[in-house]
């Protein structure tokens, strides 16, 4: 029972850790999200879960509305914004099942976006239960993240040896590593560490060139 509770809390632990780090680094700290600063990242996350505009962020013609809402929030004090993000608020995202489904990888990746943009960062070691939870996202969502590669893709956990086919076909490109680093790569981050690529050279090249920033 305790293990299941710990896994369910991963999204909240990553949220808290992101907020703690943002306050330590300050609002102008760089991130791996292009030219976004820590403040831009926090406002993005607030719009995503607290504003109806978070839904239209995925619609390119309407993305300007999201940017304007982020700019509006950015006029507020950074510490206030961070504590608002930390507190969840009265949103559907505060419900544990919703939080787990929609926020686990979102906050893990963005926490790492902030961590790994700083000099001297080092990979974290997540416990097995957390890696298991992230692996479920790889299995459930990874296929959509590699479909534009146009080649067969298999992901393999280096901690357990388990595999999942993300895109079917012969002679797949194989992406091997801890689930946390696999998902970081699948979300378009070149700073993923501890990964190995196997399979036909052309297939591996296609996979590496089409990992998307989501």
C-alpha atoms as a PDB file:
ATOM      1  CA  UNK A   1       0.000   0.000   0.000  1.00  0.00           C
ATOM      2  CA  UNK A   2       2.776   2.429   0.926  1.00  0.00           C
ATOM      3  CA  UNK A   3       4.566   1.827  -2.382  1.00  0.00           C
ATOM      4  CA  UNK A   4       1.416   2.589  -4.332  1.00  0.00           C
ATOM      5  CA  UNK A   5       0.908   5.812  -2.363  1.00  0.00           C
ATOM      6  CA  UNK A   6       4.514   6.854  -3.053  1.00  0.00           C
ATOM      7  CA  UNK A   7       4.104   6.317  -6.780  1.00  0.00           C
ATOM      8  CA  UNK A   8       0.865   8.280  -6.793  1.00  0.00           C
ATOM      9  CA  UNK A   9       2.655  11.217  -5.191  1.00  0.00           C
ATOM     10  CA  UNK A  10       5.412  11.514  -7.799  1.00  0.00           C
ATOM     11  CA  UNK A  11       3.641  14.341  -9.641  1.00  0.00           C
ATOM     12  CA  UNK A  12       3.307  16.323  -6.432  1.00  0.00           C
ATOM     13  CA  UNK A  13       6.887  15.710  -5.382  1.00  0.00           C
ATOM     14  CA  UNK A  14       8.136  16.908  -8.758  1.00  0.00           C
ATOM     15  CA  UNK A  15       5.875  19.967  -8.535  1.00  0.00           C
ATOM     16  CA  UNK A  16       7.240  20.844  -5.102  1.00  0.00           C
ATOM     17  CA  UNK A  17      10.837  20.263  -6.188  1.00  0.00           C
ATOM     18  CA  UNK A  18      10.384  22.444  -9.277  1.00  0.00           C
ATOM     19  CA  UNK A  19       8.921  25.235  -7.148  1.00  0.00           C
ATOM     20  CA  UNK A  20      11.716  24.969  -4.564  1.00  0.00           C
ATOM     21  CA  UNK A  21      14.397  25.102  -7.247  1.00  0.00           C
ATOM     22  CA  UNK A  22      12.732  28.012  -9.064  1.00  0.00           C
ATOM     23  CA  UNK A  23      12.821  30.100  -5.907  1.00  0.00           C
ATOM     24  CA  UNK A  24      16.478  29.257  -5.294  1.00  0.00           C
ATOM     25  CA  UNK A  25      17.560  30.053  -8.866  1.00  0.00           C
ATOM     26  CA  UNK A  26      15.382  33.107  -9.399  1.00  0.00           C
ATOM     27  CA  UNK A  27      13.039  34.173 -12.141  1.00  0.00           C
ATOM     28  CA  UNK A  28      15.724  34.826 -14.767  1.00  0.00           C
ATOM     29  CA  UNK A  29      17.310  31.377 -14.537  1.00  0.00           C
ATOM     30  CA  UNK A  30      17.608  29.632 -17.918  1.00  0.00           C
ATOM     31  CA  UNK A  31      15.702  26.492 -18.832  1.00  0.00           C
ATOM     32  CA  UNK A  32      15.932  23.938 -21.629  1.00  0.00           C
ATOM     33  CA  UNK A  33      12.689  25.312 -23.130  1.00  0.00           C
ATOM     34  CA  UNK A  34      14.243  27.528 -25.763  1.00  0.00           C
ATOM     35  CA  UNK A  35      14.640  31.061 -24.496  1.00  0.00           C
ATOM     36  CA  UNK A  36      12.191  30.606 -21.625  1.00  0.00           C
ATOM     37  CA  UNK A  37      13.338  31.653 -18.181  1.00  0.00           C
ATOM     38  CA  UNK A  38      12.201  30.094 -14.920  1.00  0.00           C
ATOM     39  CA  UNK A  39       9.424  32.682 -14.774  1.00  0.00           C
ATOM     40  CA  UNK A  40       8.236  31.800 -18.264  1.00  0.00           C
ATOM     41  CA  UNK A  41       8.158  28.138 -17.270  1.00  0.00           C
ATOM     42  CA  UNK A  42       6.113  28.839 -14.145  1.00  0.00           C
ATOM     43  CA  UNK A  43       3.618  30.995 -16.040  1.00  0.00           C
ATOM     44  CA  UNK A  44       3.296  28.301 -18.705  1.00  0.00           C
ATOM     45  CA  UNK A  45       2.425  25.715 -16.072  1.00  0.00           C
ATOM     46  CA  UNK A  46      -0.084  28.047 -14.416  1.00  0.00           C
ATOM     47  CA  UNK A  47      -1.843  28.766 -17.702  1.00  0.00           C
ATOM     48  CA  UNK A  48      -1.840  25.049 -18.532  1.00  0.00           C
ATOM     49  CA  UNK A  49      -3.766  24.028 -15.432  1.00  0.00           C
ATOM     50  CA  UNK A  50      -5.615  27.129 -14.264  1.00  0.00           C
ATOM     51  CA  UNK A  51      -6.761  28.878 -17.423  1.00  0.00           C
ATOM     52  CA  UNK A  52      -9.162  27.773 -20.181  1.00  0.00           C
ATOM     53  CA  UNK A  53      -6.439  28.963 -22.532  1.00  0.00           C
ATOM     54  CA  UNK A  54      -4.368  25.977 -21.470  1.00  0.00           C
ATOM     55  CA  UNK A  55      -6.565  23.872 -23.733  1.00  0.00           C
ATOM     56  CA  UNK A  56      -5.939  26.013 -26.830  1.00  0.00           C
ATOM     57  CA  UNK A  57      -2.172  25.920 -26.365  1.00  0.00           C
ATOM     58  CA  UNK A  58      -2.192  22.898 -28.686  1.00  0.00           C
ATOM     59  CA  UNK A  59      -3.939  24.868 -31.459  1.00  0.00           C
ATOM     60  CA  UNK A  60      -1.256  26.880 -33.327  1.00  0.00           C
ATOM     61  CA  UNK A  61      -3.582  29.668 -34.595  1.00  0.00           C
ATOM     62  CA  UNK A  62      -4.597  30.371 -30.998  1.00  0.00           C
ATOM     63  CA  UNK A  63      -1.162  30.122 -29.410  1.00  0.00           C
ATOM     64  CA  UNK A  64      -0.881  33.926 -29.363  1.00  0.00           C
ATOM     65  CA  UNK A  65      -3.674  34.033 -26.788  1.00  0.00           C
ATOM     66  CA  UNK A  66      -1.658  31.760 -24.530  1.00  0.00           C
ATOM     67  CA  UNK A  67       1.431  33.921 -24.924  1.00  0.00           C
ATOM     68  CA  UNK A  68      -0.549  37.021 -23.966  1.00  0.00           C
ATOM     69  CA  UNK A  69      -1.927  35.283 -20.880  1.00  0.00           C
ATOM     70  CA  UNK A  70       1.594  34.218 -19.906  1.00  0.00           C
ATOM     71  CA  UNK A  71       2.763  37.809 -20.369  1.00  0.00           C
ATOM     72  CA  UNK A  72      -0.071  39.044 -18.166  1.00  0.00           C
ATOM     73  CA  UNK A  73       0.870  36.639 -15.402  1.00  0.00           C
ATOM     74  CA  UNK A  74       4.538  37.542 -15.765  1.00  0.00           C
ATOM     75  CA  UNK A  75       3.792  41.052 -14.515  1.00  0.00           C
ATOM     76  CA  UNK A  76       3.117  39.551 -11.094  1.00  0.00           C
ATOM     77  CA  UNK A  77       5.715  38.829  -8.422  1.00  0.00           C
ATOM     78  CA  UNK A  78       7.670  35.656  -9.132  1.00  0.00           C
ATOM     79  CA  UNK A  79       7.436  34.284  -5.595  1.00  0.00           C
ATOM     80  CA  UNK A  80       3.659  34.727  -5.637  1.00  0.00           C
ATOM     81  CA  UNK A  81       3.404  32.846  -8.936  1.00  0.00           C
ATOM     82  CA  UNK A  82       5.576  30.013  -7.667  1.00  0.00           C
ATOM     83  CA  UNK A  83       3.514  29.568  -4.512  1.00  0.00           C
ATOM     84  CA  UNK A  84       0.335  29.622  -6.585  1.00  0.00           C
ATOM     85  CA  UNK A  85       1.747  26.816  -8.709  1.00  0.00           C
ATOM     86  CA  UNK A  86       2.845  24.908  -5.638  1.00  0.00           C
ATOM     87  CA  UNK A  87      -0.636  25.046  -4.135  1.00  0.00           C
ATOM     88  CA  UNK A  88      -2.529  23.410  -7.001  1.00  0.00           C
ATOM     89  CA  UNK A  89      -5.614  25.506  -6.281  1.00  0.00           C
ATOM     90  CA  UNK A  90      -9.221  24.492  -6.844  1.00  0.00           C
ATOM     91  CA  UNK A  91      -8.680  22.876 -10.216  1.00  0.00           C
ATOM     92  CA  UNK A  92      -9.356  19.377 -11.554  1.00  0.00           C
ATOM     93  CA  UNK A  93      -5.590  18.874 -11.477  1.00  0.00           C
ATOM     94  CA  UNK A  94      -5.785  18.732  -7.671  1.00  0.00           C
ATOM     95  CA  UNK A  95      -7.658  15.429  -7.859  1.00  0.00           C
ATOM     96  CA  UNK A  96      -5.097  12.656  -7.298  1.00  0.00           C
ATOM     97  CA  UNK A  97      -6.102  10.479 -10.293  1.00  0.00           C
ATOM     98  CA  UNK A  98      -6.062  13.492 -12.631  1.00  0.00           C
ATOM     99  CA  UNK A  99      -2.845  14.796 -11.116  1.00  0.00           C
ATOM    100  CA  UNK A 100      -1.167  11.441 -11.607  1.00  0.00           C
ATOM    101  CA  UNK A 101      -2.342  11.054 -15.197  1.00  0.00           C
ATOM    102  CA  UNK A 102      -1.625  14.537 -16.514  1.00  0.00           C
ATOM    103  CA  UNK A 103       1.126  15.916 -14.305  1.00  0.00           C
ATOM    104  CA  UNK A 104       3.604  13.160 -13.515  1.00  0.00           C
ATOM    105  CA  UNK A 105       5.686  13.461 -16.673  1.00  0.00           C
ATOM    106  CA  UNK A 106       4.843  17.153 -17.212  1.00  0.00           C
ATOM    107  CA  UNK A 107       6.388  18.166 -13.910  1.00  0.00           C
ATOM    108  CA  UNK A 108       9.218  15.640 -14.084  1.00  0.00           C
ATOM    109  CA  UNK A 109      10.308  16.920 -17.501  1.00  0.00           C
ATOM    110  CA  UNK A 110       9.955  20.595 -16.606  1.00  0.00           C
ATOM    111  CA  UNK A 111      11.751  20.114 -13.285  1.00  0.00           C
ATOM    112  CA  UNK A 112      14.599  18.594 -15.265  1.00  0.00           C
ATOM    113  CA  UNK A 113      14.356  21.434 -17.812  1.00  0.00           C
ATOM    114  CA  UNK A 114      15.209  23.789 -14.977  1.00  0.00           C
ATOM    115  CA  UNK A 115      17.816  21.541 -13.337  1.00  0.00           C
ATOM    116  CA  UNK A 116      19.721  20.637 -16.495  1.00  0.00           C
ATOM    117  CA  UNK A 117      19.956  24.179 -17.793  1.00  0.00           C
ATOM    118  CA  UNK A 118      22.234  25.018 -14.862  1.00  0.00           C
ATOM    119  CA  UNK A 119      25.997  24.537 -14.822  1.00  0.00           C
ATOM    120  CA  UNK A 120      27.185  21.464 -12.991  1.00  0.00           C
ATOM    121  CA  UNK A 121      23.915  19.510 -13.111  1.00  0.00           C
ATOM    122  CA  UNK A 122      24.066  15.771 -12.575  1.00  0.00           C
ATOM    123  CA  UNK A 123      21.489  13.061 -13.349  1.00  0.00           C
ATOM    124  CA  UNK A 124      19.267  12.024 -10.482  1.00  0.00           C
ATOM    125  CA  UNK A 125      18.663   8.434  -9.480  1.00  0.00           C
ATOM    126  CA  UNK A 126      14.924   7.816  -9.137  1.00  0.00           C
ATOM    127  CA  UNK A 127      13.734   4.870  -7.112  1.00  0.00           C
ATOM    128  CA  UNK A 128      12.267   1.830  -8.830  1.00  0.00           C
ATOM    129  CA  UNK A 129       8.650   2.777  -8.098  1.00  0.00           C
ATOM    130  CA  UNK A 130       9.066   6.191  -9.716  1.00  0.00           C
ATOM    131  CA  UNK A 131      10.772   4.667 -12.745  1.00  0.00           C
ATOM    132  CA  UNK A 132       7.856   2.222 -13.021  1.00  0.00           C
ATOM    133  CA  UNK A 133       5.373   5.086 -13.060  1.00  0.00           C
ATOM    134  CA  UNK A 134       7.273   6.928 -15.764  1.00  0.00           C
ATOM    135  CA  UNK A 135       7.578   3.709 -17.778  1.00  0.00           C
ATOM    136  CA  UNK A 136       3.790   3.499 -17.901  1.00  0.00           C
ATOM    137  CA  UNK A 137       3.814   6.840 -19.704  1.00  0.00           C
ATOM    138  CA  UNK A 138       6.407   5.557 -22.171  1.00  0.00           C
ATOM    139  CA  UNK A 139       4.175   2.560 -22.924  1.00  0.00           C
ATOM    140  CA  UNK A 140       0.971   4.575 -23.135  1.00  0.00           C
ATOM    141  CA  UNK A 141       2.101   7.686 -24.946  1.00  0.00           C
ATOM    142  CA  UNK A 142       5.501   6.988 -26.474  1.00  0.00           C
ATOM    143  CA  UNK A 143       4.112   5.753 -29.765  1.00  0.00           C
ATOM    144  CA  UNK A 144       2.660   9.166 -30.534  1.00  0.00           C
ATOM    145  CA  UNK A 145       5.992  10.818 -29.810  1.00  0.00           C
ATOM    146  CA  UNK A 146       7.918   8.741 -32.345  1.00  0.00           C
ATOM    147  CA  UNK A 147       5.343   8.353 -35.125  1.00  0.00           C
ATOM    148  CA  UNK A 148       6.976  11.067 -37.252  1.00  0.00           C
ATOM    149  CA  UNK A 149      10.238   9.125 -37.283  1.00  0.00           C
ATOM    150  CA  UNK A 150       8.671   6.864 -39.885  1.00  0.00           C
ATOM    151  CA  UNK A 151      10.676   3.850 -38.670  1.00  0.00           C
ATOM    152  CA  UNK A 152      10.036   1.009 -36.221  1.00  0.00           C
ATOM    153  CA  UNK A 153      11.018   1.899 -32.657  1.00  0.00           C
ATOM    154  CA  UNK A 154      11.440  -0.178 -29.508  1.00  0.00           C
ATOM    155  CA  UNK A 155      12.182   1.222 -26.045  1.00  0.00           C
ATOM    156  CA  UNK A 156      14.080  -0.921 -23.552  1.00  0.00           C
ATOM    157  CA  UNK A 157      14.538  -0.380 -19.828  1.00  0.00           C
ATOM    158  CA  UNK A 158      18.164  -0.905 -18.852  1.00  0.00           C
ATOM    159  CA  UNK A 159      17.204  -1.415 -15.210  1.00  0.00           C
ATOM    160  CA  UNK A 160      14.857  -4.363 -15.796  1.00  0.00           C
ATOM    161  CA  UNK A 161      15.329  -5.348 -19.432  1.00  0.00           C
ATOM    162  CA  UNK A 162      11.636  -4.865 -20.229  1.00  0.00           C
ATOM    163  CA  UNK A 163      10.764  -3.598 -23.696  1.00  0.00           C
ATOM    164  CA  UNK A 164       7.846  -1.935 -25.406  1.00  0.00           C
ATOM    165  CA  UNK A 165       7.233  -1.511 -29.120  1.00  0.00           C
ATOM    166  CA  UNK A 166       6.477   2.128 -29.841  1.00  0.00           C
ATOM    167  CA  UNK A 167       6.219   1.732 -33.609  1.00  0.00           C
ATOM    168  CA  UNK A 168       5.878  -1.685 -35.240  1.00  0.00           C
ATOM    169  CA  UNK A 169       8.052  -3.016 -38.017  1.00  0.00           C
ATOM    170  CA  UNK A 170      11.196  -5.000 -38.802  1.00  0.00           C
ATOM    171  CA  UNK A 171      14.696  -3.938 -37.769  1.00  0.00           C
ATOM    172  CA  UNK A 172      13.616  -1.306 -35.240  1.00  0.00           C
ATOM    173  CA  UNK A 173      15.700   1.456 -33.779  1.00  0.00           C
ATOM    174  CA  UNK A 174      16.126   0.548 -30.114  1.00  0.00           C
ATOM    175  CA  UNK A 175      16.203   3.276 -27.482  1.00  0.00           C
ATOM    176  CA  UNK A 176      17.651   1.911 -24.235  1.00  0.00           C
ATOM    177  CA  UNK A 177      17.989   3.572 -20.855  1.00  0.00           C
ATOM    178  CA  UNK A 178      16.251   4.244 -17.544  1.00  0.00           C
ATOM    179  CA  UNK A 179      12.571   5.141 -18.112  1.00  0.00           C
ATOM    180  CA  UNK A 180      13.152   8.669 -16.791  1.00  0.00           C
ATOM    181  CA  UNK A 181      15.848   9.326 -19.391  1.00  0.00           C
ATOM    182  CA  UNK A 182      13.898   7.597 -22.162  1.00  0.00           C
ATOM    183  CA  UNK A 183      10.903   9.850 -21.566  1.00  0.00           C
ATOM    184  CA  UNK A 184      13.132  12.925 -21.349  1.00  0.00           C
ATOM    185  CA  UNK A 185      14.490  12.085 -24.793  1.00  0.00           C
ATOM    186  CA  UNK A 186      11.047  11.335 -26.205  1.00  0.00           C
ATOM    187  CA  UNK A 187       9.955  14.797 -25.106  1.00  0.00           C
ATOM    188  CA  UNK A 188      12.645  16.285 -27.300  1.00  0.00           C
ATOM    189  CA  UNK A 189      15.429  16.955 -24.818  1.00  0.00           C
ATOM    190  CA  UNK A 190      18.944  16.391 -26.114  1.00  0.00           C
ATOM    191  CA  UNK A 191      20.306  16.517 -22.563  1.00  0.00           C
ATOM    192  CA  UNK A 192      19.008  13.041 -21.738  1.00  0.00           C
ATOM    193  CA  UNK A 193      21.832  10.963 -20.278  1.00  0.00           C
ATOM    194  CA  UNK A 194      22.687   7.281 -20.019  1.00  0.00           C
ATOM    195  CA  UNK A 195      20.958   6.327 -23.275  1.00  0.00           C
ATOM    196  CA  UNK A 196      22.082   3.844 -25.901  1.00  0.00           C
ATOM    197  CA  UNK A 197      20.799   3.517 -29.456  1.00  0.00           C
ATOM    198  CA  UNK A 198      20.850   0.243 -31.351  1.00  0.00           C
ATOM    199  CA  UNK A 199      19.602  -0.980 -34.695  1.00  0.00           C
ATOM    200  CA  UNK A 200      20.091   0.053 -38.319  1.00  0.00           C
ATOM    201  CA  UNK A 201      21.996   3.313 -38.584  1.00  0.00           C
ATOM    202  CA  UNK A 202      19.348   4.955 -40.779  1.00  0.00           C
ATOM    203  CA  UNK A 203      16.579   4.037 -38.353  1.00  0.00           C
ATOM    204  CA  UNK A 204      18.524   5.347 -35.376  1.00  0.00           C
ATOM    205  CA  UNK A 205      19.265   8.585 -37.223  1.00  0.00           C
ATOM    206  CA  UNK A 206      15.570   9.010 -38.055  1.00  0.00           C
ATOM    207  CA  UNK A 207      14.599   8.473 -34.426  1.00  0.00           C
ATOM    208  CA  UNK A 208      17.188  10.918 -33.115  1.00  0.00           C
ATOM    209  CA  UNK A 209      16.215  13.607 -35.611  1.00  0.00           C
ATOM    210  CA  UNK A 210      12.474  13.476 -34.957  1.00  0.00           C
ATOM    211  CA  UNK A 211      12.280  13.431 -31.167  1.00  0.00           C
ATOM    212  CA  UNK A 212       9.965  16.346 -30.508  1.00  0.00           C
ATOM    213  CA  UNK A 213       9.832  19.080 -27.912  1.00  0.00           C
ATOM    214  CA  UNK A 214       6.312  18.661 -26.537  1.00  0.00           C
END
